Every structure is written in structure tokens, then in C-alpha cells.
Amino acid sequence: MKGVMRFGKKGKLSPRYIGPYRISKRADNVAYELKLPQELAAVYSVFHISMLKKCMGDPSLITNSRYWDQG
């Protein structure tokens, strides 16, 4: 599809989540604005709550994803 940005590969077991990213503000009753990195500048930063997944865990264990992408 022209003009559509996709994350990951197509397929049944493809990853569906990117992140985690911090919520910068509540845009509406059911929408939040996320603080996205510069690499995702083309992505609109406001998301409906049904598209978000709560990040549970120890915040000190979160690493920068750039190091994993280098393979």
C-alpha cells in the first residue's frame, strides 16, 4: 500500500508492538500522546488506548533498541 508505514514483517507471528515509549500527555478521554524518538518522526504521536499495551516490569531493565537492531 502506498504511503503506509509498517513495523516488522508480515505474517502470523510477526511482532506487533514497538517501544516502550513514555506518555507525554493525555490528548482525550481515550487517547494519549507518546514521546516518540526522532526515527519515528513520520508517525503521528497520538494513539487510541486500544492500540497501547501497558509496560509491566522493572524500568531499570529497559535497554536502547538501537543496540539490538545492529545484529
Protein backbone atom coordinates (compact mmCIF):
# COMPACT_ATOMS: atom_id res chain seq x y z
CA MET A 1 0.00 0.00 0.00
CA LYS A 2 1.37 3.36 -0.97
CA GLY A 3 2.07 5.79 1.86
CA VAL A 4 1.59 3.25 4.66
CA MET A 5 4.41 2.71 7.16
CA ARG A 6 4.56 -0.78 8.67
CA PHE A 7 6.63 -2.16 11.53
CA GLY A 8 8.17 -5.61 11.31
CA LYS A 9 7.40 -8.40 8.84
CA LYS A 10 4.04 -9.61 7.63
CA GLY A 11 2.88 -12.93 8.96
CA LYS A 12 1.00 -14.61 11.77
CA LEU A 13 3.79 -14.49 14.34
CA SER A 14 5.25 -11.13 13.43
CA PRO A 15 5.92 -8.62 16.23
CA ARG A 16 3.06 -6.21 16.69
CA TYR A 17 4.45 -3.88 19.33
CA ILE A 18 7.25 -1.36 19.23
CA GLY A 19 8.51 0.57 22.20
CA PRO A 20 8.17 1.10 25.13
CA TYR A 21 7.63 4.85 24.93
CA ARG A 22 6.63 7.32 27.60
CA ILE A 23 3.23 9.01 27.60
CA SER A 24 3.79 12.75 27.28
CA LYS A 25 0.17 13.84 27.82
CA ARG A 26 -3.44 12.74 27.70
CA ALA A 27 -4.91 14.01 24.44
CA ASP A 28 -8.53 12.99 25.12
CA ASN A 29 -10.55 10.63 27.32
CA VAL A 30 -9.46 7.68 25.18
CA ALA A 31 -6.24 8.95 23.53
CA TYR A 32 -2.67 9.57 24.65
CA GLU A 33 0.24 11.38 23.06
CA LEU A 34 3.51 9.44 23.22
CA LYS A 35 7.05 10.77 23.28
CA LEU A 36 8.48 9.07 20.17
CA PRO A 37 12.15 9.06 19.07
CA GLN A 38 13.33 11.05 16.05
CA GLU A 39 13.40 7.87 13.89
CA LEU A 40 9.60 7.76 14.18
CA ALA A 41 9.03 11.41 13.28
CA ALA A 42 6.79 10.37 10.37
CA VAL A 43 4.41 8.57 12.77
CA TYR A 44 1.53 10.55 14.31
CA SER A 45 2.18 10.56 18.06
CA VAL A 46 -1.45 10.35 19.34
CA PHE A 47 -2.81 6.83 19.87
CA HIS A 48 -6.16 5.42 20.99
CA ILE A 49 -5.93 3.44 24.23
CA SER A 50 -6.95 0.24 22.41
CA MET A 51 -3.68 0.44 20.43
CA LEU A 52 -1.47 0.74 23.53
CA LYS A 53 -0.15 -2.04 25.74
CA LYS A 54 0.83 -1.44 29.35
CA CYS A 55 4.53 -1.97 30.03
CA MET A 56 4.93 -4.02 33.19
CA GLY A 57 8.35 -4.63 34.67
CA ASP A 58 11.44 -3.09 36.16
CA PRO A 59 12.24 0.23 34.39
CA SER A 60 15.96 -0.28 35.06
CA LEU A 61 15.93 -3.31 32.71
CA ILE A 62 14.79 -1.32 29.66
CA THR A 63 17.58 -1.01 27.10
CA ASN A 64 18.01 1.09 23.99
CA SER A 65 16.64 -0.81 20.96
CA ARG A 66 19.32 0.66 18.63
CA TYR A 67 21.87 -1.79 20.03
CA TRP A 68 19.68 -4.81 19.22
CA ASP A 69 19.00 -3.69 15.63
CA GLN A 70 22.69 -3.79 14.68
CA GLY A 71 22.66 -7.60 14.93
